[in-house]
């Protein structure tokens, strides 16, 4: 496979926020078109995936790589992953994301955090729907590794900064529960390595798990294994909904690991293991200290439905939300419910929220844009608080964004890279 490099008459300075899979993909695509991308990453490339690197991806290599990405591996004489195999998180970073970052060289600026973006010389309230805004470059405020502030300019900005740096809260309606901040050192907001590095925190202890998605199911699966060899380990699963089977299962599910997790979690919901509990229709209303442990008050729909548990730790799988502060000075249109791109949110709502996300059809590329010309949301951030984003979707988004940038609705470097 080989990508066909292009040399536009006017290469664009493109700022990409986030060196995760979609940010790196966007930079590879921009480079192949002859533009000058710069990727700003506050941590290291693939840092958010490495948070759960001990886990195996639900989906295979073929759903999480692109022809351009594989061509970058090939150019470095690196082995091409087997399309049907399922990589672990660390493996995905080591064998795919790290080579993409290496191919981009000094265009990836790690340890550089974007604090704010504006239009040079224009306020948010000025030049509304005017071509004047497109003629002004973006100005980015950056904090570098030395904690110094600097500025940079770009003609196009692609925000692929993700959502994992902003976790949800435990309290009712998404608010922090009283005491949540004070006891945050005993609360995990990302999937812990229960069977590995984090095992000492949970074996022989009592843990409250809050949340009802696949992340919660992953933790349940790990605790069931842990309890086989660690006596005294207890898990209480608390969730807002009251469905007897909280995780959907799909007939002939093409992702067998997803189906296995759903089966395990649904079985726990119906019949928890000895000394464990599954609580439904409740939220966390308060966290206090209780004889060296956590006193956790849970509340149901009525004030009378209250219960207090004594636990050692909490695992909060209540979702994640995008950081909307960095583009506050831009004319960005967000969904009032999901905080994702408004056009994309409307398109997703229009196709319905039920069913399998693997079967979702491609959406028009202009759903990724905003009233601010040249500013695009990509990756999980474009979905906002929704949890059904797929890396495959993000790779397709990159192609669609550059169709808009190049004003060429037929542009598809992936198809070109597949050609001999």
Protein backbone atom coordinates (compact mmCIF):
# COMPACT_ATOMS: atom_id res chain seq x y z
CA UNK A 1 0.00 0.00 0.00
CA UNK A 2 1.22 3.52 -0.66
CA UNK A 3 -0.27 6.94 -0.06
CA UNK A 4 0.05 9.46 -2.85
CA UNK A 5 1.68 12.62 -1.43
CA UNK A 6 0.18 15.87 -2.63
CA UNK A 7 1.65 19.34 -2.74
CA UNK A 8 -1.05 22.01 -2.52
CA UNK A 9 -0.22 25.41 -3.89
CA UNK A 10 -0.93 26.92 -0.47
CA UNK A 11 -0.09 24.51 2.38
CA UNK A 12 -2.14 25.23 5.50
CA UNK A 13 -0.94 25.52 9.07
CA UNK A 14 -3.20 23.06 10.88
CA UNK A 15 -3.34 22.85 14.68
CA UNK A 16 -4.54 19.52 16.05
CA UNK A 17 -5.40 19.19 19.72
CA UNK A 18 -4.70 15.78 21.21
CA UNK A 19 -2.23 13.04 20.24
CA UNK A 20 -4.65 10.17 20.61
CA UNK A 21 -5.67 7.90 17.72
CA UNK A 22 -7.78 10.54 15.95
CA UNK A 23 -5.41 13.47 16.48
CA UNK A 24 -2.47 11.48 15.09
CA UNK A 25 -4.63 10.21 12.23
CA UNK A 26 -5.59 13.79 11.33
CA UNK A 27 -1.92 14.81 11.31
CA UNK A 28 -0.93 11.88 9.08
CA UNK A 29 -3.75 12.75 6.67
CA UNK A 30 -2.83 16.45 6.64
CA UNK A 31 0.84 15.63 6.00
CA UNK A 32 -0.09 13.35 3.10
CA UNK A 33 -1.97 16.27 1.58
CA UNK A 34 1.10 18.49 1.87
CA UNK A 35 -0.14 20.65 4.75
CA UNK A 36 1.82 21.54 7.90
CA UNK A 37 0.08 19.99 10.93
CA UNK A 38 1.17 20.54 14.52
CA UNK A 39 -0.23 18.22 17.20
CA UNK A 40 -0.47 19.63 20.72
CA UNK A 41 -0.67 17.03 23.49
CA UNK A 42 -0.66 17.91 27.18
CA UNK A 43 0.69 14.48 28.19
CA UNK A 44 2.23 11.90 25.86
CA UNK A 45 0.94 10.32 22.66
CA UNK A 46 -1.79 7.79 23.45
CA UNK A 47 -1.82 8.75 27.15
CA UNK A 48 -5.55 8.25 27.66
CA UNK A 49 -5.50 4.78 26.10
CA UNK A 50 -2.58 3.83 28.32
CA UNK A 51 -4.83 4.56 31.32
CA UNK A 52 -6.54 1.28 30.50
CA UNK A 53 -3.68 -0.29 28.57
CA UNK A 54 -3.92 -3.52 30.59
CA UNK A 55 -7.28 -4.25 28.92
CA UNK A 56 -7.91 -5.75 25.49
CA UNK A 57 -9.86 -3.76 22.91
CA UNK A 58 -13.37 -4.93 22.04
CA UNK A 59 -12.63 -4.57 18.36
CA UNK A 60 -9.92 -5.93 16.08
CA UNK A 61 -6.99 -4.18 14.48
CA UNK A 62 -8.87 -3.64 11.23
CA UNK A 63 -11.44 -1.44 12.99
CA UNK A 64 -8.81 0.67 14.75
CA UNK A 65 -6.28 1.37 12.01
CA UNK A 66 -6.34 3.15 8.66
CA UNK A 67 -4.61 2.54 5.33
CA UNK A 68 -2.53 5.69 5.89
CA UNK A 69 -1.56 4.56 9.37
CA UNK A 70 -0.53 1.12 8.13
CA UNK A 71 1.45 2.75 5.34
CA UNK A 72 3.33 4.74 8.00
CA UNK A 73 4.23 1.47 9.74
CA UNK A 74 5.32 -0.05 6.45
CA UNK A 75 7.52 2.97 5.68
CA UNK A 76 9.33 2.34 8.98
CA UNK A 77 9.76 -1.38 8.15
CA UNK A 78 7.50 -2.29 11.07
CA UNK A 79 5.25 -5.37 11.07
CA UNK A 80 1.65 -4.88 10.03
CA UNK A 81 -0.77 -6.19 12.69
CA UNK A 82 -3.04 -9.09 11.80
CA UNK A 83 -6.36 -7.51 10.85
CA UNK A 84 -8.58 -9.95 12.76
CA UNK A 85 -6.58 -9.99 16.02
CA UNK A 86 -7.62 -8.00 19.09
CA UNK A 87 -4.84 -5.83 20.54
CA UNK A 88 -4.37 -4.87 24.17
CA UNK A 89 -4.36 -1.17 24.98
CA UNK A 90 -0.61 -0.98 25.58
CA UNK A 91 0.00 -3.07 22.46
CA UNK A 92 -2.15 -0.71 20.40
CA UNK A 93 -0.12 2.26 21.64
CA UNK A 94 3.26 0.57 21.17
CA UNK A 95 2.65 -1.01 17.78
CA UNK A 96 0.47 1.66 16.16
CA UNK A 97 0.21 5.04 17.88
CA UNK A 98 3.89 5.34 18.77
CA UNK A 99 4.98 4.69 15.14
CA UNK A 100 2.44 7.27 13.91
CA UNK A 101 3.89 9.83 16.31
CA UNK A 102 7.41 8.88 15.22
CA UNK A 103 6.47 9.36 11.56
CA UNK A 104 5.32 12.89 12.37
CA UNK A 105 8.54 13.72 14.22
CA UNK A 106 8.70 17.16 15.81
CA UNK A 107 5.23 17.98 14.53
CA UNK A 108 3.94 16.25 17.67
CA UNK A 109 4.50 18.54 20.66
CA UNK A 110 3.97 16.53 23.82
CA UNK A 111 3.80 18.29 27.15
CA UNK A 112 2.02 21.20 25.42
CA UNK A 113 -1.47 21.99 26.68
CA UNK A 114 -3.90 24.19 24.77
CA UNK A 115 -5.51 26.57 27.26
CA UNK A 116 -7.63 28.68 24.90
CA UNK A 117 -8.29 29.38 21.22
CA UNK A 118 -9.50 32.58 19.60
CA UNK A 119 -9.52 34.41 16.27
CA UNK A 120 -6.57 36.78 16.13
CA UNK A 121 -7.87 40.32 16.57
CA UNK A 122 -11.55 39.33 16.80
CA UNK A 123 -13.84 38.80 19.74
CA UNK A 124 -16.40 36.00 19.81
CA UNK A 125 -19.18 38.54 19.24
CA UNK A 126 -17.62 40.13 16.17
CA UNK A 127 -17.90 39.39 12.44
CA UNK A 128 -20.76 36.93 12.95
CA UNK A 129 -21.40 34.95 9.75
CA UNK A 130 -18.90 37.17 7.97
CA UNK A 131 -16.07 36.07 5.64
CA UNK A 132 -13.83 38.31 7.74
CA UNK A 133 -13.55 35.62 10.42
CA UNK A 134 -12.16 33.09 7.95
CA UNK A 135 -9.49 35.57 6.86
CA UNK A 136 -8.13 35.88 10.39
CA UNK A 137 -5.88 33.08 11.72
CA UNK A 138 -6.67 31.18 14.87
CA UNK A 139 -4.57 32.10 17.87
CA UNK A 140 -3.80 29.39 20.43
CA UNK A 141 -2.62 29.93 23.99
CA UNK A 142 -0.24 27.10 24.88
CA UNK A 143 1.38 26.02 28.14
CA UNK A 144 4.63 24.18 27.41
CA UNK A 145 6.66 21.63 29.37
CA UNK A 146 8.42 24.39 31.30
CA UNK A 147 5.02 25.73 32.44
CA UNK A 148 5.60 28.81 30.30
CA UNK A 149 2.84 30.37 28.18
CA UNK A 150 3.31 30.86 24.47
CA UNK A 151 1.08 31.52 21.48
CA UNK A 152 0.77 29.88 18.08
CA UNK A 153 -1.32 30.52 14.98
CA UNK A 154 -3.10 28.23 12.54
CA UNK A 155 -5.55 28.47 9.66
CA UNK A 156 -7.42 25.29 10.61
CA UNK A 157 -7.99 23.79 14.07
CA UNK A 158 -9.10 20.19 14.67
CA UNK A 159 -10.06 19.55 18.28
CA UNK A 160 -9.48 15.84 18.99
CA UNK A 161 -8.75 16.31 22.69
CA UNK A 162 -11.21 13.63 23.80
CA UNK A 163 -13.20 13.53 27.01
CA UNK A 164 -11.30 11.33 29.47
CA UNK A 165 -9.71 14.18 31.38
CA UNK A 166 -13.17 15.27 32.65
CA UNK A 167 -15.01 12.57 34.56
CA UNK A 168 -18.62 12.65 35.68
CA UNK A 169 -19.72 13.02 39.29
CA UNK A 170 -21.44 10.67 41.71
CA UNK A 171 -24.33 12.84 42.93
CA UNK A 172 -27.89 13.27 41.76
CA UNK A 173 -28.33 14.83 38.33
CA UNK A 174 -24.61 14.76 37.62
CA UNK A 175 -23.68 17.03 40.53
CA UNK A 176 -20.79 16.16 42.84
CA UNK A 177 -22.07 14.40 45.95
CA UNK A 178 -21.31 16.21 49.20
CA UNK A 179 -18.02 14.78 50.42
CA UNK A 180 -16.97 13.52 46.96
CA UNK A 181 -14.16 16.03 46.58
CA UNK A 182 -12.93 15.55 50.16
CA UNK A 183 -12.60 11.78 49.73
CA UNK A 184 -11.47 11.76 46.09
CA UNK A 185 -8.28 9.86 46.98
CA UNK A 186 -10.47 6.83 47.66
CA UNK A 187 -12.48 7.18 44.45
CA UNK A 188 -11.33 5.81 41.07
CA UNK A 189 -12.77 7.59 38.02
CA UNK A 190 -10.96 5.46 35.43
CA UNK A 191 -10.98 1.67 35.15
CA UNK A 192 -8.51 0.37 37.75
CA UNK A 193 -6.22 -2.58 37.12
CA UNK A 194 -8.02 -4.72 39.69
CA UNK A 195 -6.12 -7.89 38.79
CA UNK A 196 -2.75 -6.18 38.39
CA UNK A 197 -1.12 -3.05 39.75
CA UNK A 198 -4.22 -1.91 41.67
CA UNK A 199 -4.99 -5.27 43.23
CA UNK A 200 -3.70 -4.27 46.73
CA UNK A 201 -6.33 -1.52 46.86
CA UNK A 202 -9.26 -3.89 46.36
CA UNK A 203 -8.42 -7.42 47.54
CA UNK A 204 -10.06 -8.20 50.86
CA UNK A 205 -11.85 -4.84 50.76
CA UNK A 206 -15.42 -3.66 50.21
CA UNK A 207 -15.94 -1.54 47.09
CA UNK A 208 -18.91 0.41 45.77
CA UNK A 209 -19.20 0.45 41.98
CA UNK A 210 -21.39 3.20 40.49
CA UNK A 211 -22.44 3.19 36.82
CA UNK A 212 -24.10 0.87 34.32
CA UNK A 213 -22.09 0.80 31.10
CA UNK A 214 -19.43 -1.48 29.66
CA UNK A 215 -16.77 0.09 31.86
CA UNK A 216 -18.77 -1.02 34.89
CA UNK A 217 -19.18 -4.46 33.32
CA UNK A 218 -15.41 -4.68 32.82
CA UNK A 219 -14.87 -3.98 36.51
CA UNK A 220 -17.48 -6.54 37.55
CA UNK A 221 -15.73 -9.14 35.40
CA UNK A 222 -12.39 -8.35 37.09
CA UNK A 223 -13.87 -8.50 40.59
CA UNK A 224 -15.41 -11.90 39.92
CA UNK A 225 -11.92 -13.16 39.07
CA UNK A 226 -10.39 -11.38 42.07
CA UNK A 227 -12.89 -12.90 44.49
CA UNK A 228 -11.82 -16.40 43.47
CA UNK A 229 -8.42 -15.91 45.10
CA UNK A 230 -8.93 -13.02 47.55
CA UNK A 231 -11.28 -13.93 50.43
CA UNK A 232 -13.20 -11.05 51.95
CA UNK A 233 -13.37 -9.09 48.69
CA UNK A 234 -16.86 -7.60 48.24
CA UNK A 235 -18.46 -5.56 45.49
CA UNK A 236 -21.70 -3.59 45.68
CA UNK A 237 -23.01 -2.38 42.33
CA UNK A 238 -25.29 0.67 42.51
CA UNK A 239 -27.01 2.19 39.49
CA UNK A 240 -29.81 4.63 38.72
CA UNK A 241 -31.79 2.47 36.33
CA UNK A 242 -33.97 -0.46 37.32
CA UNK A 243 -33.65 -2.69 34.24
CA UNK A 244 -33.24 -6.35 35.18
CA UNK A 245 -30.64 -6.66 32.40
CA UNK A 246 -28.86 -3.29 32.20
CA UNK A 247 -26.52 -4.06 29.30
CA UNK A 248 -27.96 -4.80 25.84
CA UNK A 249 -26.93 -7.93 23.98
CA UNK A 250 -26.88 -8.21 20.21
CA UNK A 251 -27.73 -11.31 18.23
CA UNK A 252 -24.56 -12.86 16.75
CA UNK A 253 -22.54 -10.01 18.25
CA UNK A 254 -19.44 -9.45 16.05
CA UNK A 255 -17.59 -8.29 19.19
CA UNK A 256 -17.47 -11.41 21.38
CA UNK A 257 -15.74 -9.70 24.30
CA UNK A 258 -18.50 -7.09 24.47
CA UNK A 259 -21.12 -9.81 24.55
CA UNK A 260 -19.26 -11.70 27.27
CA UNK A 261 -19.09 -8.58 29.46
CA UNK A 262 -22.79 -7.88 28.96
CA UNK A 263 -23.64 -11.45 29.93
CA UNK A 264 -21.45 -11.27 33.06
CA UNK A 265 -22.88 -7.93 34.20
CA UNK A 266 -26.48 -8.97 33.58
CA UNK A 267 -25.91 -12.15 35.55
CA UNK A 268 -24.47 -10.13 38.45
CA UNK A 269 -27.51 -7.82 38.32
CA UNK A 270 -29.89 -10.78 38.63
CA UNK A 271 -27.92 -12.91 41.07
CA UNK A 272 -24.88 -11.29 42.72
CA UNK A 273 -22.14 -13.56 44.12
CA UNK A 274 -22.06 -14.31 47.83
CA UNK A 275 -21.58 -11.20 50.02
CA UNK A 276 -22.08 -8.91 47.00
CA UNK A 277 -25.09 -6.74 46.15
CA UNK A 278 -26.77 -5.16 43.14
CA UNK A 279 -28.75 -2.02 44.02
CA UNK A 280 -31.01 -0.24 41.53
CA UNK A 281 -32.92 3.01 41.32
CA UNK A 282 -30.56 4.92 43.61
CA UNK A 283 -27.92 7.65 43.51
CA UNK A 284 -25.11 8.67 45.85
CA UNK A 285 -26.31 11.52 48.07
CA UNK A 286 -23.41 11.94 50.55
CA UNK A 287 -19.97 10.60 51.44
CA UNK A 288 -18.57 10.87 54.97
CA UNK A 289 -15.82 9.37 57.09
CA UNK A 290 -16.97 6.38 59.13
CA UNK A 291 -14.43 4.81 61.49
CA UNK A 292 -11.65 5.00 58.95
CA UNK A 293 -13.89 3.89 56.09
CA UNK A 294 -16.36 5.66 53.80
CA UNK A 295 -19.92 6.14 54.99
CA UNK A 296 -21.88 6.38 51.74
CA UNK A 297 -25.49 7.51 51.79
CA UNK A 298 -27.59 6.27 48.87
CA UNK A 299 -30.98 7.78 48.00
CA UNK A 300 -33.88 6.49 45.97
CA UNK A 301 -36.72 8.37 44.30
CA UNK A 302 -38.32 9.33 47.62
CA UNK A 303 -36.66 10.73 50.76
CA UNK A 304 -37.71 7.59 52.63
CA UNK A 305 -35.60 5.43 50.32
CA UNK A 306 -32.25 5.95 51.98
CA UNK A 307 -29.51 3.58 52.88
CA UNK A 308 -25.99 3.98 54.25
CA UNK A 309 -23.14 1.67 53.33
CA UNK A 310 -19.71 1.36 54.88
CA UNK A 311 -17.13 0.84 52.15
CA UNK A 312 -13.38 1.05 51.72
CA UNK A 313 -13.33 2.49 48.20
CA UNK A 314 -15.56 3.71 45.36
CA UNK A 315 -15.21 3.16 41.62
CA UNK A 316 -17.18 5.78 39.71
CA UNK A 317 -18.04 4.85 36.13
CA UNK A 318 -20.45 7.75 35.56
CA UNK A 319 -19.17 8.79 32.18
CA UNK A 320 -17.03 11.62 30.84
CA UNK A 321 -17.65 15.06 29.41
CA UNK A 322 -15.74 17.31 26.99
CA UNK A 323 -13.76 20.35 28.07
CA UNK A 324 -15.65 23.20 26.41
CA UNK A 325 -13.59 25.97 27.99
CA UNK A 326 -10.78 25.99 25.43
CA UNK A 327 -13.04 27.20 22.60
CA UNK A 328 -15.14 29.61 24.64
CA UNK A 329 -13.94 32.56 22.51
CA UNK A 330 -14.97 30.88 19.26
CA UNK A 331 -18.37 30.67 17.61
CA UNK A 332 -18.95 27.00 18.40
CA UNK A 333 -22.38 25.36 18.31
CA UNK A 334 -22.79 22.56 20.86
CA UNK A 335 -25.69 20.26 21.63
CA UNK A 336 -27.52 21.40 24.76
CA UNK A 337 -27.78 17.78 25.93
CA UNK A 338 -24.56 16.01 24.95
CA UNK A 339 -22.15 18.96 24.53
CA UNK A 340 -21.06 17.38 21.27
CA UNK A 341 -21.13 19.12 17.90
CA UNK A 342 -24.71 20.29 17.37
CA UNK A 343 -25.10 19.10 13.77
CA UNK A 344 -23.61 15.72 14.61
CA UNK A 345 -25.78 15.36 17.71
CA UNK A 346 -28.88 16.10 15.66
CA UNK A 347 -27.84 13.57 13.00
CA UNK A 348 -27.21 10.90 15.64
CA UNK A 349 -30.55 11.63 17.27
CA UNK A 350 -32.24 11.44 13.90
CA UNK A 351 -30.99 7.91 13.32
CA UNK A 352 -32.17 6.83 16.76
CA UNK A 353 -30.17 5.93 19.84
CA UNK A 354 -31.05 2.24 19.92
CA UNK A 355 -29.33 -0.58 18.12
CA UNK A 356 -25.68 -1.45 17.65
CA UNK A 357 -23.19 1.38 17.08
CA UNK A 358 -21.25 -0.95 14.74
CA UNK A 359 -24.14 -0.76 12.29
CA UNK A 360 -24.21 3.05 12.22
CA UNK A 361 -24.04 4.48 8.72
CA UNK A 362 -21.60 7.22 7.82
CA UNK A 363 -22.81 10.75 8.54
CA UNK A 364 -22.23 13.82 6.37
CA UNK A 365 -18.87 15.47 6.94
CA UNK A 366 -20.37 18.90 7.60
CA UNK A 367 -21.76 17.56 10.89
CA UNK A 368 -18.25 18.02 12.32
CA UNK A 369 -18.06 21.76 11.62
CA UNK A 370 -19.26 24.80 13.54
CA UNK A 371 -20.27 28.36 12.69
CA UNK A 372 -16.58 29.16 13.28
CA UNK A 373 -15.00 28.58 9.84
CA UNK A 374 -12.06 26.19 9.88
CA UNK A 375 -12.76 24.82 13.36
CA UNK A 376 -13.72 21.13 13.61
CA UNK A 377 -14.48 18.69 16.40
CA UNK A 378 -13.28 15.12 15.86
CA UNK A 379 -13.02 11.89 17.78
CA UNK A 380 -14.86 11.25 21.02
CA UNK A 381 -15.09 14.97 21.71
CA UNK A 382 -17.41 15.37 18.72
CA UNK A 383 -19.81 12.95 20.47
CA UNK A 384 -19.63 14.87 23.74
CA UNK A 385 -21.09 12.89 26.64
CA UNK A 386 -22.27 10.04 24.44
CA UNK A 387 -20.46 6.78 25.11
CA UNK A 388 -21.03 5.05 21.76
CA UNK A 389 -18.10 6.55 19.85
CA UNK A 390 -15.91 4.11 17.90
CA UNK A 391 -12.33 4.67 16.72
CA UNK A 392 -13.45 3.53 13.28
CA UNK A 393 -15.90 6.43 13.26
CA UNK A 394 -13.14 8.88 14.15
CA UNK A 395 -10.95 7.65 11.29
CA UNK A 396 -13.83 8.26 8.87
CA UNK A 397 -14.30 11.72 10.41
CA UNK A 398 -10.73 12.63 9.51
CA UNK A 399 -11.37 11.86 5.84
CA UNK A 400 -14.60 13.87 5.91
CA UNK A 401 -12.99 16.89 7.58
CA UNK A 402 -10.33 17.10 4.89
CA UNK A 403 -12.97 16.84 2.18
CA UNK A 404 -14.31 20.09 3.64
CA UNK A 405 -10.87 21.65 4.05
CA UNK A 406 -9.94 20.80 0.45
CA UNK A 407 -13.44 21.52 -0.89
CA UNK A 408 -13.34 18.13 -2.61
CA UNK A 409 -16.25 15.86 -1.72
CA UNK A 410 -14.61 12.89 -3.45
CA UNK A 411 -11.24 13.14 -1.70
CA UNK A 412 -10.29 9.82 -0.10
CA UNK A 413 -6.63 9.19 0.63
CA UNK A 414 -7.59 5.91 2.29
CA UNK A 415 -8.84 4.59 -1.01
CA UNK A 416 -5.68 5.83 -2.73
CA UNK A 417 -3.49 4.18 -0.10
CA UNK A 418 -5.20 0.84 -0.71
CA UNK A 419 -4.32 1.00 -4.41
CA UNK A 420 -1.09 -0.61 -5.68
